Amino acid sequence: MEQNYSLNTDGYVYALGIGTGWSWAGTVHLTRVPKDRILDYAAYTYFAGRNDDGTPRWSREEREAAALPGVRASEQGSAMFHPGIGR
């Protein structure tokens, strides 16, 4: 990880939720929080699908969280963004 989160362009920290309390396998969910509010649980929003124009929809309601389409995990996982390839 680079120093001071300097490559961050949108001001958020993202986290993955994988599986359930009984298994590390299953669908993958995504949450985000402004990087300066990580300790404020009320600031977290959850990926809740896509808007009509294809942009991600975010909700403050955990019950509205949607699994990431086409993404499943069979064990613990991690992800990263590579700015050189934009993914």
Protein backbone atom coordinates (compact mmCIF):
# COMPACT_ATOMS: atom_id res chain seq x y z
CA MET A 1 0.00 0.00 0.00
CA GLU A 2 1.38 3.39 -0.88
CA GLN A 3 2.08 6.06 1.71
CA ASN A 4 -0.83 8.13 3.02
CA TYR A 5 -3.29 6.61 0.54
CA SER A 6 -1.96 9.11 -2.01
CA LEU A 7 -3.31 7.31 -5.11
CA ASN A 8 -6.88 7.54 -3.83
CA THR A 9 -8.95 9.62 -6.25
CA ASP A 10 -12.46 9.40 -4.82
CA GLY A 11 -11.91 9.80 -1.08
CA TYR A 12 -13.35 6.39 -0.11
CA VAL A 13 -11.99 3.21 1.42
CA TYR A 14 -13.66 0.05 0.13
CA ALA A 15 -14.18 -3.27 1.91
CA LEU A 16 -15.41 -6.67 0.75
CA GLY A 17 -17.86 -8.85 2.65
CA ILE A 18 -17.52 -12.54 1.82
CA GLY A 19 -19.70 -15.45 2.89
CA THR A 20 -21.48 -15.77 6.20
CA GLY A 21 -20.57 -16.41 9.81
CA TRP A 22 -20.46 -20.14 9.03
CA SER A 23 -18.58 -20.17 5.75
CA TRP A 24 -16.04 -18.12 3.78
CA ALA A 25 -17.72 -19.10 0.53
CA GLY A 26 -20.51 -17.46 -1.42
CA THR A 27 -21.45 -14.09 -2.78
CA VAL A 28 -19.32 -10.99 -2.33
CA HIS A 29 -20.67 -7.65 -1.12
CA LEU A 30 -19.00 -4.23 -1.22
CA THR A 31 -19.14 -1.33 1.21
CA ARG A 32 -17.39 2.02 1.22
CA VAL A 33 -16.75 4.84 3.66
CA PRO A 34 -15.05 8.24 3.34
CA LYS A 35 -11.40 7.68 4.24
CA ASP A 36 -11.55 10.20 7.08
CA ARG A 37 -14.62 8.52 8.69
CA ILE A 38 -13.57 4.86 8.92
CA LEU A 39 -14.45 4.67 12.62
CA ASP A 40 -17.95 6.12 12.04
CA TYR A 41 -20.17 3.12 11.25
CA ALA A 42 -23.04 5.45 10.27
CA ALA A 43 -20.90 6.78 7.38
CA TYR A 44 -20.70 3.41 5.61
CA THR A 45 -22.71 2.81 2.43
CA TYR A 46 -23.38 -0.47 0.67
CA PHE A 47 -23.36 -1.37 -3.00
CA ALA A 48 -27.05 -1.82 -3.81
CA GLY A 49 -26.96 -2.58 -7.54
CA ARG A 50 -26.77 -0.29 -10.54
CA ASN A 51 -28.77 2.73 -11.62
CA ASP A 52 -30.48 2.81 -15.02
CA ASP A 53 -27.39 4.50 -16.50
CA GLY A 54 -25.12 1.70 -15.19
CA THR A 55 -23.49 3.67 -12.38
CA PRO A 56 -23.27 2.01 -8.96
CA ARG A 57 -26.09 2.74 -6.52
CA TRP A 58 -25.06 3.11 -2.87
CA SER A 59 -27.36 2.79 0.13
CA ARG A 60 -26.94 3.55 3.83
CA GLU A 61 -29.25 0.61 4.54
CA GLU A 62 -27.35 -2.66 4.99
CA ARG A 63 -30.51 -4.61 4.13
CA GLU A 64 -30.39 -3.09 0.62
CA ALA A 65 -26.88 -4.43 -0.05
CA ALA A 66 -26.62 -6.43 -3.28
CA ALA A 67 -24.07 -9.05 -4.17
CA LEU A 68 -21.52 -8.03 -6.79
CA PRO A 69 -22.75 -9.50 -10.08
CA GLY A 70 -20.72 -12.48 -11.25
CA VAL A 71 -18.37 -12.44 -8.24
CA ARG A 72 -18.17 -15.38 -5.83
CA ALA A 73 -15.55 -16.48 -3.32
CA SER A 74 -14.60 -19.96 -2.21
CA GLU A 75 -12.16 -18.87 0.51
CA GLN A 76 -11.05 -15.60 2.04
CA GLY A 77 -10.26 -13.07 -0.65
CA SER A 78 -8.84 -9.65 -1.31
CA ALA A 79 -8.92 -7.11 -4.09
CA MET A 80 -6.92 -4.15 -5.27
CA PHE A 81 -7.21 -1.36 -7.84
CA HIS A 82 -4.35 -0.98 -10.33
CA PRO A 83 -4.27 2.63 -11.61
CA GLY A 84 -2.08 1.70 -14.57
CA ILE A 85 -4.80 -0.43 -16.14
CA GLY A 86 -7.80 1.36 -14.59
CA ARG A 87 -9.17 -1.80 -12.95
